[in-house]
N, C-alpha and C. Protein backbone atom coordinates (compact mmCIF):
# COMPACT_ATOMS: atom_id res chain seq x y z
N MET A 1 -50.11 -7.83 -32.32
CA MET A 1 -49.09 -8.32 -31.42
C MET A 1 -47.86 -8.71 -32.23
N THR A 2 -46.70 -8.44 -31.69
CA THR A 2 -45.47 -8.76 -32.42
C THR A 2 -45.24 -10.26 -32.42
N GLU A 3 -44.52 -10.70 -33.42
CA GLU A 3 -44.19 -12.13 -33.52
C GLU A 3 -43.37 -12.56 -32.30
N ARG A 4 -42.46 -11.70 -31.90
CA ARG A 4 -41.59 -12.04 -30.77
C ARG A 4 -42.41 -12.27 -29.50
N LEU A 5 -43.36 -11.40 -29.23
CA LEU A 5 -44.20 -11.57 -28.05
C LEU A 5 -45.02 -12.85 -28.16
N GLU A 6 -45.53 -13.13 -29.33
CA GLU A 6 -46.30 -14.36 -29.54
C GLU A 6 -45.44 -15.59 -29.27
N GLU A 7 -44.20 -15.56 -29.72
CA GLU A 7 -43.27 -16.67 -29.47
C GLU A 7 -43.01 -16.84 -27.98
N ILE A 8 -42.77 -15.74 -27.29
CA ILE A 8 -42.51 -15.79 -25.85
C ILE A 8 -43.71 -16.37 -25.12
N LYS A 9 -44.89 -15.95 -25.52
CA LYS A 9 -46.10 -16.47 -24.87
C LYS A 9 -46.24 -17.97 -25.09
N GLU A 10 -45.97 -18.42 -26.29
CA GLU A 10 -46.07 -19.86 -26.58
C GLU A 10 -45.04 -20.65 -25.79
N ILE A 11 -43.80 -20.15 -25.76
CA ILE A 11 -42.75 -20.83 -25.00
C ILE A 11 -43.10 -20.86 -23.51
N TYR A 12 -43.60 -19.76 -23.02
CA TYR A 12 -43.97 -19.68 -21.60
C TYR A 12 -45.08 -20.67 -21.28
N ARG A 13 -46.10 -20.72 -22.12
CA ARG A 13 -47.19 -21.68 -21.90
C ARG A 13 -46.66 -23.13 -21.91
N TRP A 14 -45.77 -23.39 -22.84
CA TRP A 14 -45.18 -24.74 -22.92
C TRP A 14 -44.38 -25.04 -21.66
N ALA A 15 -43.60 -24.05 -21.20
CA ALA A 15 -42.78 -24.23 -20.00
C ALA A 15 -43.66 -24.46 -18.78
N ILE A 16 -44.77 -23.78 -18.68
CA ILE A 16 -45.69 -23.98 -17.55
C ILE A 16 -46.25 -25.41 -17.59
N GLU A 17 -46.67 -25.80 -18.78
CA GLU A 17 -47.24 -27.14 -18.92
C GLU A 17 -46.22 -28.23 -18.57
N ASN A 18 -44.97 -27.97 -18.82
CA ASN A 18 -43.92 -28.96 -18.55
C ASN A 18 -43.17 -28.70 -17.25
N SER A 19 -43.72 -27.80 -16.44
CA SER A 19 -43.20 -27.48 -15.10
C SER A 19 -41.73 -27.07 -15.09
N ILE A 20 -41.30 -26.29 -16.04
CA ILE A 20 -39.91 -25.82 -16.01
C ILE A 20 -39.83 -24.29 -15.95
N ALA A 21 -40.94 -23.65 -15.69
CA ALA A 21 -40.94 -22.18 -15.61
C ALA A 21 -41.02 -21.71 -14.17
N ASN A 22 -40.34 -22.37 -13.26
CA ASN A 22 -40.45 -22.06 -11.84
C ASN A 22 -39.59 -20.88 -11.42
N ARG A 23 -38.65 -20.47 -12.20
CA ARG A 23 -37.72 -19.42 -11.78
C ARG A 23 -38.37 -18.05 -11.69
N ILE A 24 -39.38 -17.78 -12.52
CA ILE A 24 -40.08 -16.49 -12.51
C ILE A 24 -41.54 -16.76 -12.15
N ALA A 25 -42.06 -15.93 -11.28
CA ALA A 25 -43.45 -16.12 -10.86
C ALA A 25 -44.39 -15.97 -12.05
N ASP A 26 -45.39 -16.84 -12.10
CA ASP A 26 -46.37 -16.79 -13.18
C ASP A 26 -47.04 -15.42 -13.28
N SER A 27 -47.33 -14.85 -12.13
CA SER A 27 -48.00 -13.54 -12.15
C SER A 27 -47.10 -12.47 -12.76
N ASP A 28 -45.80 -12.58 -12.56
CA ASP A 28 -44.87 -11.60 -13.15
C ASP A 28 -44.84 -11.73 -14.67
N ILE A 29 -44.76 -12.95 -15.15
CA ILE A 29 -44.74 -13.17 -16.60
C ILE A 29 -46.04 -12.70 -17.23
N GLU A 30 -47.16 -13.04 -16.60
CA GLU A 30 -48.45 -12.61 -17.13
C GLU A 30 -48.56 -11.10 -17.14
N TRP A 31 -48.05 -10.47 -16.06
CA TRP A 31 -48.07 -9.00 -16.02
C TRP A 31 -47.25 -8.43 -17.16
N LEU A 32 -46.06 -8.98 -17.41
CA LEU A 32 -45.21 -8.51 -18.51
C LEU A 32 -45.90 -8.66 -19.86
N ILE A 33 -46.51 -9.81 -20.07
CA ILE A 33 -47.20 -10.05 -21.33
C ILE A 33 -48.35 -9.05 -21.51
N ASN A 34 -49.13 -8.86 -20.45
CA ASN A 34 -50.25 -7.90 -20.53
C ASN A 34 -49.76 -6.49 -20.78
N ARG A 35 -48.65 -6.14 -20.12
CA ARG A 35 -48.11 -4.78 -20.29
C ARG A 35 -47.65 -4.55 -21.72
N VAL A 36 -46.97 -5.52 -22.30
CA VAL A 36 -46.50 -5.39 -23.69
C VAL A 36 -47.70 -5.26 -24.62
N GLU A 37 -48.73 -6.05 -24.40
CA GLU A 37 -49.93 -5.95 -25.24
C GLU A 37 -50.57 -4.57 -25.13
N GLU A 38 -50.64 -4.03 -23.90
CA GLU A 38 -51.18 -2.68 -23.71
C GLU A 38 -50.34 -1.64 -24.46
N LEU A 39 -49.03 -1.78 -24.36
CA LEU A 39 -48.14 -0.82 -25.03
C LEU A 39 -48.28 -0.91 -26.55
N GLU A 40 -48.44 -2.11 -27.07
CA GLU A 40 -48.63 -2.26 -28.52
C GLU A 40 -49.92 -1.58 -28.97
N LYS A 41 -50.97 -1.70 -28.16
CA LYS A 41 -52.23 -1.02 -28.48
C LYS A 41 -52.04 0.49 -28.46
N GLU A 42 -51.30 0.97 -27.46
CA GLU A 42 -51.04 2.41 -27.36
C GLU A 42 -50.24 2.92 -28.55
N VAL A 43 -49.28 2.14 -29.00
CA VAL A 43 -48.49 2.52 -30.18
C VAL A 43 -49.40 2.66 -31.39
N GLU A 44 -50.34 1.73 -31.56
CA GLU A 44 -51.28 1.81 -32.68
C GLU A 44 -52.13 3.06 -32.59
N LYS A 45 -52.60 3.38 -31.39
CA LYS A 45 -53.39 4.60 -31.20
C LYS A 45 -52.58 5.84 -31.59
N GLN A 46 -51.31 5.86 -31.17
CA GLN A 46 -50.45 7.00 -31.48
C GLN A 46 -50.24 7.14 -32.99
N LYS A 47 -50.08 6.00 -33.67
CA LYS A 47 -49.92 6.03 -35.13
C LYS A 47 -51.17 6.62 -35.78
N ASN A 48 -52.34 6.21 -35.29
CA ASN A 48 -53.59 6.73 -35.83
C ASN A 48 -53.72 8.23 -35.58
N ARG A 49 -53.35 8.66 -34.38
CA ARG A 49 -53.41 10.10 -34.06
C ARG A 49 -52.48 10.89 -34.96
N LYS A 50 -51.29 10.35 -35.19
CA LYS A 50 -50.32 11.03 -36.04
C LYS A 50 -50.86 11.16 -37.46
N TYR A 51 -51.48 10.09 -37.96
CA TYR A 51 -52.05 10.11 -39.31
C TYR A 51 -53.15 11.17 -39.40
N ILE A 52 -54.02 11.22 -38.39
CA ILE A 52 -55.11 12.20 -38.40
C ILE A 52 -54.54 13.62 -38.37
N LYS A 53 -53.53 13.86 -37.55
CA LYS A 53 -52.93 15.20 -37.49
C LYS A 53 -52.28 15.59 -38.81
N MET A 54 -51.66 14.62 -39.48
CA MET A 54 -51.05 14.92 -40.78
C MET A 54 -52.13 15.29 -41.79
N ARG A 55 -53.25 14.57 -41.78
CA ARG A 55 -54.35 14.88 -42.69
C ARG A 55 -54.92 16.27 -42.39
N GLN A 56 -55.09 16.60 -41.11
CA GLN A 56 -55.59 17.91 -40.72
C GLN A 56 -54.64 19.01 -41.18
N ARG A 57 -53.33 18.77 -41.02
CA ARG A 57 -52.34 19.76 -41.46
C ARG A 57 -52.42 19.96 -42.97
N ASP A 58 -52.53 18.86 -43.71
CA ASP A 58 -52.62 18.96 -45.17
C ASP A 58 -53.88 19.72 -45.59
N ASP A 59 -55.00 19.44 -44.92
CA ASP A 59 -56.24 20.16 -45.21
C ASP A 59 -56.09 21.65 -44.92
N PHE A 60 -55.45 21.96 -43.81
CA PHE A 60 -55.23 23.36 -43.45
C PHE A 60 -54.36 24.06 -44.49
N MET A 61 -53.31 23.39 -44.94
CA MET A 61 -52.41 23.99 -45.94
C MET A 61 -53.14 24.25 -47.25
N LYS A 62 -54.00 23.33 -47.67
CA LYS A 62 -54.78 23.52 -48.89
C LYS A 62 -55.73 24.70 -48.75
N LYS A 63 -56.38 24.78 -47.59
CA LYS A 63 -57.30 25.89 -47.33
C LYS A 63 -56.55 27.22 -47.35
N ALA A 64 -55.40 27.26 -46.71
CA ALA A 64 -54.60 28.48 -46.68
C ALA A 64 -54.18 28.89 -48.09
N GLN A 65 -53.85 27.93 -48.94
CA GLN A 65 -53.45 28.23 -50.31
C GLN A 65 -54.64 28.82 -51.10
N ARG A 66 -55.83 28.24 -50.92
CA ARG A 66 -57.02 28.78 -51.60
C ARG A 66 -57.29 30.22 -51.18
N TYR A 67 -57.22 30.47 -49.88
CA TYR A 67 -57.45 31.83 -49.38
C TYR A 67 -56.40 32.79 -49.91
N LYS A 68 -55.16 32.34 -49.94
CA LYS A 68 -54.07 33.19 -50.43
C LYS A 68 -54.31 33.58 -51.88
N GLN A 69 -54.70 32.62 -52.70
CA GLN A 69 -54.94 32.92 -54.11
C GLN A 69 -56.09 33.92 -54.28
N ALA A 70 -57.16 33.74 -53.51
CA ALA A 70 -58.28 34.67 -53.60
C ALA A 70 -57.85 36.07 -53.13
N LEU A 71 -57.12 36.12 -52.02
CA LEU A 71 -56.67 37.41 -51.51
C LEU A 71 -55.72 38.10 -52.49
N GLU A 72 -54.86 37.34 -53.14
CA GLU A 72 -53.94 37.93 -54.11
C GLU A 72 -54.72 38.57 -55.26
N PHE A 73 -55.79 37.93 -55.68
CA PHE A 73 -56.61 38.50 -56.76
C PHE A 73 -57.21 39.83 -56.33
N TYR A 74 -57.79 39.86 -55.12
CA TYR A 74 -58.43 41.09 -54.65
C TYR A 74 -57.42 42.15 -54.24
N ALA A 75 -56.21 41.76 -53.90
CA ALA A 75 -55.18 42.72 -53.50
C ALA A 75 -54.46 43.32 -54.71
N ASP A 76 -54.56 42.69 -55.85
CA ASP A 76 -53.88 43.17 -57.05
C ASP A 76 -54.54 44.45 -57.55
N LYS A 77 -53.82 45.56 -57.46
CA LYS A 77 -54.37 46.87 -57.83
C LYS A 77 -54.82 46.91 -59.29
N GLU A 78 -54.17 46.13 -60.13
CA GLU A 78 -54.53 46.11 -61.55
C GLU A 78 -55.97 45.64 -61.77
N ASN A 79 -56.46 44.82 -60.87
CA ASN A 79 -57.82 44.29 -61.02
C ASN A 79 -58.91 45.32 -60.73
N TYR A 80 -58.51 46.51 -60.30
CA TYR A 80 -59.48 47.57 -60.03
C TYR A 80 -59.52 48.62 -61.16
N PHE A 81 -58.68 48.43 -62.17
CA PHE A 81 -58.68 49.35 -63.29
C PHE A 81 -59.61 48.84 -64.38
N LEU A 82 -60.19 49.75 -65.09
CA LEU A 82 -61.10 49.39 -66.17
C LEU A 82 -60.33 48.71 -67.29
N LYS A 83 -60.97 47.68 -67.86
CA LYS A 83 -60.39 46.99 -69.00
C LYS A 83 -61.51 46.79 -70.00
N GLN A 84 -61.19 47.03 -71.27
CA GLN A 84 -62.22 46.91 -72.28
C GLN A 84 -62.42 45.45 -72.66
N ARG A 85 -63.68 45.07 -72.70
CA ARG A 85 -64.02 43.72 -73.14
C ARG A 85 -64.40 43.79 -74.61
N MET A 86 -64.88 42.72 -75.14
CA MET A 86 -65.23 42.65 -76.56
C MET A 86 -66.35 43.61 -76.91
N THR A 87 -67.17 43.95 -75.96
CA THR A 87 -68.25 44.91 -76.20
C THR A 87 -67.70 46.30 -75.94
N SER A 88 -68.52 47.27 -76.10
CA SER A 88 -68.06 48.64 -75.87
C SER A 88 -68.11 49.00 -74.39
N SER A 89 -68.57 48.08 -73.53
CA SER A 89 -68.66 48.35 -72.09
C SER A 89 -67.29 48.15 -71.45
N PHE A 90 -67.09 48.85 -70.36
CA PHE A 90 -65.85 48.72 -69.60
C PHE A 90 -66.15 48.13 -68.22
N TYR A 91 -65.33 47.16 -67.81
CA TYR A 91 -65.51 46.52 -66.50
C TYR A 91 -64.14 46.28 -65.87
N THR A 92 -64.11 46.36 -64.58
CA THR A 92 -62.89 45.97 -63.88
C THR A 92 -62.97 44.45 -63.64
N PRO A 93 -61.83 43.78 -63.53
CA PRO A 93 -61.87 42.35 -63.21
C PRO A 93 -62.62 42.07 -61.91
N ILE A 94 -62.55 43.00 -60.97
CA ILE A 94 -63.26 42.84 -59.71
C ILE A 94 -64.77 42.85 -59.96
N GLU A 95 -65.22 43.77 -60.82
CA GLU A 95 -66.65 43.83 -61.14
C GLU A 95 -67.10 42.56 -61.87
N LEU A 96 -66.26 42.08 -62.73
CA LEU A 96 -66.60 40.85 -63.46
C LEU A 96 -66.64 39.65 -62.53
N ASP A 97 -65.77 39.64 -61.56
CA ASP A 97 -65.68 38.51 -60.63
C ASP A 97 -66.88 38.47 -59.68
N LYS A 98 -67.31 39.62 -59.21
CA LYS A 98 -68.45 39.75 -58.29
C LYS A 98 -68.31 38.86 -57.06
N GLY A 99 -67.09 38.69 -56.59
CA GLY A 99 -66.85 37.90 -55.37
C GLY A 99 -66.77 36.40 -55.60
N GLU A 100 -66.78 35.97 -56.86
CA GLU A 100 -66.80 34.54 -57.16
C GLU A 100 -65.57 33.82 -56.61
N LYS A 101 -64.40 34.41 -56.75
CA LYS A 101 -63.18 33.77 -56.25
C LYS A 101 -63.26 33.55 -54.74
N ALA A 102 -63.77 34.52 -54.02
CA ALA A 102 -63.91 34.39 -52.57
C ALA A 102 -64.92 33.28 -52.23
N ARG A 103 -66.03 33.26 -52.92
CA ARG A 103 -67.04 32.22 -52.66
C ARG A 103 -66.48 30.82 -52.96
N GLN A 104 -65.73 30.70 -54.04
CA GLN A 104 -65.15 29.39 -54.37
C GLN A 104 -64.18 28.93 -53.30
N ALA A 105 -63.35 29.85 -52.81
CA ALA A 105 -62.41 29.50 -51.75
C ALA A 105 -63.15 29.07 -50.49
N LEU A 106 -64.22 29.75 -50.16
CA LEU A 106 -65.00 29.44 -48.95
C LEU A 106 -65.84 28.18 -49.13
N GLU A 107 -66.34 27.94 -50.32
CA GLU A 107 -67.19 26.76 -50.56
C GLU A 107 -66.41 25.47 -50.33
N CYS A 108 -65.14 25.48 -50.60
CA CYS A 108 -64.33 24.27 -50.40
C CYS A 108 -64.30 23.86 -48.93
N ASP A 109 -64.55 24.80 -48.02
CA ASP A 109 -64.57 24.47 -46.60
C ASP A 109 -65.75 23.58 -46.24
N ASP A 110 -66.79 23.61 -47.06
CA ASP A 110 -67.99 22.81 -46.77
C ASP A 110 -67.81 21.35 -47.15
N ASP A 111 -66.78 21.03 -47.95
CA ASP A 111 -66.56 19.66 -48.40
C ASP A 111 -66.17 18.74 -47.28
């Protein structure tokens, strides 16, 4: 609850106790106080929803980046050409990878 609303409530209670709050119906003031409290709760809910959506967006962007990097590796034509390793055997980077980059990108989704 805001400090201002708390102050108004205290002043109103004091005015009722001292019989000087006759100009506005008690039910109207109580309704206003309740309405402001409801709105403050709704604002908090909206803030929480916004935070959750921002986190979801960030998670989505990270996932998209992982997928993009894996796809770029498999889309690179150079990775399908034979390259000599330290031994006399020849392997393409794709053969050496054996799908590891794709699995790593997908495994992060399980976290």
